[in-house]
Protein backbone atom coordinates (compact mmCIF):
# COMPACT_ATOMS: atom_id res chain seq x y z
CA UNK A 1 30.93 53.29 -26.07
CA UNK A 2 33.32 56.07 -24.85
CA UNK A 3 30.71 57.24 -22.48
CA UNK A 4 28.95 53.72 -21.90
CA UNK A 5 29.71 52.40 -18.09
CA UNK A 6 31.73 49.31 -17.95
CA UNK A 7 32.90 46.93 -15.16
CA UNK A 8 36.44 45.78 -14.69
CA UNK A 9 36.37 41.83 -14.84
CA UNK A 10 39.58 39.71 -14.66
CA UNK A 11 42.84 41.76 -14.13
CA UNK A 12 45.76 39.60 -15.91
CA UNK A 13 49.58 40.33 -15.97
CA UNK A 14 52.40 39.41 -18.57
CA UNK A 15 56.01 39.74 -18.32
CA UNK A 16 56.31 39.28 -14.60
CA UNK A 17 59.06 36.82 -14.42
CA UNK A 18 61.13 38.18 -11.28
CA UNK A 19 58.35 40.02 -9.98
CA UNK A 20 56.26 39.49 -6.85
CA UNK A 21 52.61 38.97 -8.35
CA UNK A 22 50.92 38.57 -5.01
CA UNK A 23 52.50 42.15 -3.93
CA UNK A 24 51.18 43.60 -7.19
CA UNK A 25 47.56 42.27 -6.70
CA UNK A 26 47.38 43.34 -3.07
CA UNK A 27 48.33 47.02 -3.76
CA UNK A 28 47.02 47.72 -7.41
CA UNK A 29 44.53 50.55 -7.33
CA UNK A 30 42.50 49.05 -9.86
CA UNK A 31 40.10 46.10 -9.10
CA UNK A 32 37.82 43.57 -10.43
CA UNK A 33 34.32 44.94 -10.10
CA UNK A 34 35.40 48.67 -10.41
CA UNK A 35 33.42 50.48 -13.01
CA UNK A 36 34.84 53.00 -15.59
CA UNK A 37 33.96 55.12 -18.40
CA UNK A 38 36.55 55.02 -21.19
CA UNK A 39 36.08 58.90 -21.83
CA UNK A 40 37.04 59.84 -18.39
CA UNK A 41 39.34 56.89 -17.37
CA UNK A 42 42.82 57.59 -16.60
CA UNK A 43 45.70 54.85 -16.23
CA UNK A 44 47.84 57.41 -14.32
CA UNK A 45 47.19 56.01 -10.55
CA UNK A 46 47.82 52.45 -11.84
CA UNK A 47 50.81 53.41 -13.52
CA UNK A 48 52.30 55.40 -10.49
CA UNK A 49 51.41 52.29 -8.15
CA UNK A 50 53.09 49.98 -10.64
CA UNK A 51 56.05 52.17 -10.96
CA UNK A 52 56.60 52.30 -7.31
CA UNK A 53 56.17 48.71 -6.54
CA UNK A 54 58.51 47.53 -9.49
CA UNK A 55 60.78 50.33 -9.78
CA UNK A 56 59.92 51.13 -13.50
CA UNK A 57 56.80 51.91 -15.57
CA UNK A 58 54.61 49.03 -16.78
CA UNK A 59 55.09 48.18 -20.34
CA UNK A 60 51.48 48.39 -21.08
CA UNK A 61 47.98 48.43 -19.52
CA UNK A 62 45.50 47.26 -21.93
CA UNK A 63 41.86 47.41 -21.51
CA UNK A 64 40.10 45.30 -23.71
CA UNK A 65 36.19 45.37 -24.43
CA UNK A 66 34.54 43.08 -23.44
CA UNK A 67 32.02 40.41 -22.58
CA UNK A 68 28.17 40.45 -23.07
CA UNK A 69 27.99 41.65 -19.44
CA UNK A 70 29.94 44.65 -20.36
CA UNK A 71 32.87 43.35 -18.38
CA UNK A 72 36.24 44.45 -19.31
CA UNK A 73 39.31 42.48 -19.32
CA UNK A 74 42.56 44.27 -18.24
CA UNK A 75 46.12 42.85 -19.21
CA UNK A 76 49.11 44.57 -17.27
CA UNK A 77 52.70 44.37 -18.63
CA UNK A 78 54.95 44.53 -15.76
CA UNK A 79 58.43 44.41 -17.61
CA UNK A 80 59.98 41.73 -15.82
CA UNK A 81 62.59 39.24 -17.13
CA UNK A 82 60.13 37.89 -19.57
CA UNK A 83 59.47 40.79 -21.26
CA UNK A 84 61.80 42.12 -24.06
CA UNK A 85 61.26 45.42 -26.30
CA UNK A 86 60.32 44.42 -29.75
CA UNK A 87 63.09 44.67 -32.30
CA UNK A 88 61.54 47.41 -34.84
CA UNK A 89 62.64 49.18 -37.88
CA UNK A 90 62.56 52.85 -38.45
CA UNK A 91 59.79 54.83 -39.17
CA UNK A 92 59.43 55.18 -43.14
CA UNK A 93 60.22 58.46 -44.59
CA UNK A 94 57.82 58.32 -47.74
CA UNK A 95 54.42 60.49 -48.25
CA UNK A 96 52.84 57.33 -49.96
CA UNK A 97 49.14 57.24 -49.10
CA UNK A 98 45.83 55.55 -49.96
CA UNK A 99 42.84 57.20 -51.53
CA UNK A 100 40.07 58.37 -49.05
CA UNK A 101 37.88 55.36 -49.60
CA UNK A 102 40.46 53.14 -47.70
CA UNK A 103 40.34 55.21 -44.66
CA UNK A 104 36.72 55.57 -44.60
CA UNK A 105 36.28 51.74 -44.91
CA UNK A 106 38.80 51.46 -42.32
CA UNK A 107 37.29 53.71 -39.83
CA UNK A 108 33.73 52.05 -40.29
CA UNK A 109 35.43 48.84 -39.64
CA UNK A 110 36.77 49.69 -36.37
CA UNK A 111 33.46 51.27 -35.21
CA UNK A 112 31.46 48.25 -36.18
CA UNK A 113 33.88 45.89 -34.64
CA UNK A 114 33.75 47.72 -31.42
CA UNK A 115 29.90 47.24 -31.52
CA UNK A 116 30.08 43.48 -32.84
CA UNK A 117 32.28 42.62 -29.57
CA UNK A 118 30.30 44.54 -27.14
CA UNK A 119 27.15 42.71 -28.38
CA UNK A 120 29.03 39.18 -28.15
CA UNK A 121 29.09 38.72 -31.71
CA UNK A 122 32.92 38.81 -32.55
CA UNK A 123 32.99 35.42 -34.35
CA UNK A 124 34.28 35.31 -38.11
CA UNK A 125 34.86 32.79 -40.94
CA UNK A 126 38.46 32.91 -41.66
CA UNK A 127 38.28 29.79 -44.13
CA UNK A 128 38.84 31.88 -47.35
CA UNK A 129 41.82 33.43 -45.95
CA UNK A 130 40.25 36.65 -45.29
CA UNK A 131 38.13 37.89 -42.59
CA UNK A 132 34.52 37.46 -42.72
CA UNK A 133 32.50 38.39 -39.62
CA UNK A 134 29.45 36.68 -38.15
CA UNK A 135 27.75 40.07 -37.39
CA UNK A 136 25.83 41.12 -40.45
CA UNK A 137 26.66 44.87 -40.45
CA UNK A 138 30.50 44.13 -39.91
CA UNK A 139 30.33 41.34 -42.65
CA UNK A 140 29.08 44.02 -45.18
CA UNK A 141 31.89 46.05 -44.62
CA UNK A 142 34.26 43.42 -44.70
CA UNK A 143 32.86 42.63 -48.20
CA UNK A 144 33.20 46.11 -49.07
CA UNK A 145 37.18 45.91 -48.11
CA UNK A 146 37.39 42.90 -50.16
CA UNK A 147 36.10 44.56 -53.25
CA UNK A 148 38.26 47.51 -52.61
CA UNK A 149 41.62 45.51 -51.66
CA UNK A 150 41.82 42.84 -54.06
CA UNK A 151 42.97 44.52 -56.94
CA UNK A 152 45.28 47.10 -55.08
CA UNK A 153 47.90 44.77 -53.91
CA UNK A 154 50.82 46.97 -55.41
CA UNK A 155 49.43 49.95 -53.76
CA UNK A 156 48.76 48.49 -50.44
CA UNK A 157 52.46 47.04 -50.27
CA UNK A 158 53.97 50.32 -51.41
CA UNK A 159 52.19 52.18 -48.76
CA UNK A 160 52.88 49.73 -45.80
CA UNK A 161 56.60 49.67 -47.17
CA UNK A 162 56.89 53.38 -47.31
CA UNK A 163 54.51 55.82 -45.78
CA UNK A 164 55.46 57.87 -42.82
CA UNK A 165 51.86 58.19 -41.76
CA UNK A 166 51.23 55.37 -39.11
CA UNK A 167 47.42 55.46 -39.84
CA UNK A 168 48.07 54.82 -43.53
CA UNK A 169 50.33 51.84 -42.79
CA UNK A 170 47.86 50.51 -40.31
CA UNK A 171 44.99 50.72 -43.15
CA UNK A 172 47.53 48.87 -45.74
CA UNK A 173 48.31 46.23 -43.36
CA UNK A 174 44.86 45.28 -42.58
CA UNK A 175 43.51 45.48 -46.02
CA UNK A 176 46.57 43.47 -47.43
CA UNK A 177 44.91 40.33 -45.67
CA UNK A 178 42.15 40.56 -48.36
CA UNK A 179 44.15 40.53 -51.49
CA UNK A 180 44.62 37.14 -53.23
CA UNK A 181 47.42 35.23 -51.67
CA UNK A 182 50.86 35.85 -52.83
CA UNK A 183 54.42 35.72 -51.87
CA UNK A 184 54.87 39.50 -52.40
CA UNK A 185 51.79 40.07 -49.80
CA UNK A 186 53.35 37.43 -47.34
CA UNK A 187 56.76 39.17 -47.61
CA UNK A 188 55.36 42.46 -46.85
CA UNK A 189 53.09 41.24 -44.11
CA UNK A 190 55.92 39.48 -42.35
CA UNK A 191 58.14 42.79 -42.71
CA UNK A 192 55.66 44.75 -41.13
CA UNK A 193 55.94 42.52 -38.16
CA UNK A 194 58.65 44.77 -37.15
CA UNK A 195 56.97 48.11 -37.79
CA UNK A 196 57.45 50.79 -34.83
CA UNK A 197 53.70 51.28 -34.86
CA UNK A 198 51.65 48.59 -32.38
CA UNK A 199 48.51 48.68 -34.56
CA UNK A 200 50.36 48.05 -37.90
CA UNK A 201 52.19 45.03 -36.08
CA UNK A 202 48.68 43.98 -34.76
CA UNK A 203 47.29 44.35 -38.17
CA UNK A 204 49.75 42.57 -40.07
CA UNK A 205 50.22 39.60 -37.70
CA UNK A 206 46.27 39.30 -37.55
CA UNK A 207 46.37 39.28 -41.31
CA UNK A 208 49.01 36.35 -41.63
CA UNK A 209 47.05 34.38 -38.99
CA UNK A 210 43.78 34.53 -41.03
CA UNK A 211 45.72 33.74 -44.32
CA UNK A 212 47.05 30.68 -42.41
CA UNK A 213 43.61 29.57 -41.89
CA UNK A 214 42.41 29.27 -45.35
CA UNK A 215 40.85 26.05 -46.29
CA UNK A 216 43.15 23.42 -48.26
CA UNK A 217 46.07 26.14 -48.42
CA UNK A 218 49.79 25.24 -47.94
CA UNK A 219 51.80 26.29 -44.92
CA UNK A 220 53.11 30.02 -45.21
CA UNK A 221 56.67 30.10 -45.86
CA UNK A 222 57.77 32.59 -43.27
CA UNK A 223 60.65 33.19 -40.74
CA UNK A 224 59.18 32.48 -37.35
CA UNK A 225 61.87 34.51 -35.72
CA UNK A 226 60.00 37.62 -35.02
CA UNK A 227 56.75 35.73 -34.13
CA UNK A 228 58.46 34.37 -31.22
CA UNK A 229 60.02 37.67 -30.30
CA UNK A 230 56.14 38.66 -30.26
CA UNK A 231 55.36 36.59 -27.26
CA UNK A 232 58.05 38.57 -25.03
CA UNK A 233 56.95 42.01 -26.10
CA UNK A 234 55.79 44.45 -23.62
CA UNK A 235 52.83 45.11 -25.56
CA UNK A 236 49.57 42.89 -24.90
CA UNK A 237 48.51 43.39 -28.74
CA UNK A 238 51.77 41.63 -29.84
CA UNK A 239 51.40 38.85 -27.42
CA UNK A 240 47.75 38.34 -28.32
CA UNK A 241 48.22 38.27 -32.10
CA UNK A 242 51.35 36.31 -31.94
CA UNK A 243 49.66 33.42 -30.04
CA UNK A 244 46.85 33.38 -32.58
CA UNK A 245 49.54 33.22 -35.53
CA UNK A 246 51.56 30.49 -33.71
CA UNK A 247 48.64 28.33 -33.05
CA UNK A 248 48.05 28.22 -36.93
CA UNK A 249 51.68 27.76 -37.57
CA UNK A 250 51.95 24.86 -35.15
CA UNK A 251 48.83 23.03 -36.34
CA UNK A 252 51.17 20.41 -38.39
CA UNK A 253 53.40 20.36 -35.17
CA UNK A 254 56.57 20.97 -37.27
CA UNK A 255 59.51 19.67 -34.71
CA UNK A 256 61.91 22.46 -35.43
CA UNK A 257 59.34 25.09 -34.48
CA UNK A 258 58.07 23.37 -31.58
CA UNK A 259 61.64 22.60 -30.17
CA UNK A 260 62.38 26.59 -30.71
CA UNK A 261 59.25 27.27 -28.79
CA UNK A 262 59.91 24.94 -26.03
CA UNK A 263 63.53 26.08 -25.74
CA UNK A 264 63.19 30.00 -25.94
CA UNK A 265 59.23 30.82 -24.98
CA UNK A 266 57.94 28.59 -22.25
CA UNK A 267 57.56 31.55 -19.83
CA UNK A 268 55.59 33.71 -21.95
CA UNK A 269 53.49 30.71 -23.14
CA UNK A 270 52.68 29.91 -19.54
CA UNK A 271 51.87 33.57 -18.79
CA UNK A 272 49.39 34.07 -21.62
CA UNK A 273 47.87 30.36 -20.83
CA UNK A 274 47.29 31.49 -17.27
CA UNK A 275 45.01 34.40 -18.08
CA UNK A 276 41.42 34.25 -16.80
CA UNK A 277 38.22 35.76 -17.92
CA UNK A 278 38.23 35.30 -21.56
CA UNK A 279 39.18 31.75 -23.22
CA UNK A 280 39.42 33.51 -26.32
CA UNK A 281 42.79 35.10 -25.23
CA UNK A 282 44.42 32.49 -23.50
CA UNK A 283 43.32 29.17 -25.52
CA UNK A 284 45.84 30.08 -28.32
CA UNK A 285 48.45 30.06 -25.67
CA UNK A 286 47.43 26.76 -24.07
CA UNK A 287 47.40 24.96 -27.41
CA UNK A 288 50.64 26.09 -28.49
CA UNK A 289 52.08 25.21 -25.25
CA UNK A 290 50.38 21.72 -25.12
CA UNK A 291 51.92 21.22 -28.56
CA UNK A 292 55.32 22.01 -27.47
CA UNK A 293 54.80 19.30 -24.55
CA UNK A 294 53.96 16.92 -27.39
CA UNK A 295 50.52 16.59 -25.92
CA UNK A 296 48.26 14.57 -28.47
CA UNK A 297 45.56 16.71 -30.02
CA UNK A 298 42.65 14.47 -28.73
CA UNK A 299 43.95 14.90 -25.31
CA UNK A 300 44.59 18.53 -25.79
CA UNK A 301 40.99 18.96 -26.59
CA UNK A 302 39.53 16.99 -23.58
CA UNK A 303 41.56 19.17 -21.57
CA UNK A 304 40.67 22.39 -22.99
CA UNK A 305 36.95 21.64 -23.25
CA UNK A 306 36.81 20.63 -19.60
CA UNK A 307 38.77 23.70 -18.64
CA UNK A 308 41.55 21.66 -17.12
CA UNK A 309 44.14 23.98 -18.05
CA UNK A 310 45.98 23.62 -14.72
CA UNK A 311 47.43 20.18 -16.07
CA UNK A 312 48.96 21.70 -19.06
CA UNK A 313 50.60 24.82 -16.85
CA UNK A 314 51.78 22.31 -14.44
CA UNK A 315 53.56 20.20 -17.18
CA UNK A 316 55.04 23.27 -18.55
CA UNK A 317 56.21 24.73 -15.16
CA UNK A 318 58.66 21.39 -15.01
CA UNK A 319 60.38 22.24 -17.92
């Protein structure tokens, strides 16, 4: 994959409040249709241009693989007034670690996930509260992770909380989503939302999102403060996974949560809802935004199915 040739598809932006997007689009040296190879591609020219245009470095240039035509999705954080640094904890100082089997399974999962995504087979079943991929090879790895992780909650929590090694915490956060649901598990994953490492946060929020999707389960009892903060993050992964979790948490249309989102987070929701190219990255924002605006679920489904998203965004812009 590192040496395959990909074509740039849609280029989307976030954190752009107060910034002239038309100027950015006109002068960006990266364009839709450009071809790149991951092994040789450099973000330097794009970063230099954005720094010149905005007066500060971009917060993120995320290149995300990809559709079946090998078109990449690019998400650029511009660091405007709708972008805030994530409030993160200090790096733990412990030497806790998992056995080598965990790292081997995690690395296998990452490689198989990239292959599944590039083949257009990234779907999954979350109804058990843990991820089971539709891709046969990745599903077998998921089942191996389940067998490994299920009896090791205490070890996974300990490593996630204490290890100074970010890779060990990444593995622990991902695997903790496979243990039987418990208050200890949920508390450890929620605390990891403030981890200083982007991928640890990504894995923790993803695990919470999948836990929330379990069939016939009660809502997770978690403080939503950090999940609202994710929507303002300068990192694309924070915004992406935060939107997926809030998609689950707003299913029952809790009025307190929706009022908080409507009051505090309309702008980042609009930004994510406006992304083009892959509905898988924008739909969660659209749904959460619609629920904040009290759009009924049947009307919401019709608007999204018909891709009439402009109606939702126009309504939000009037707030």
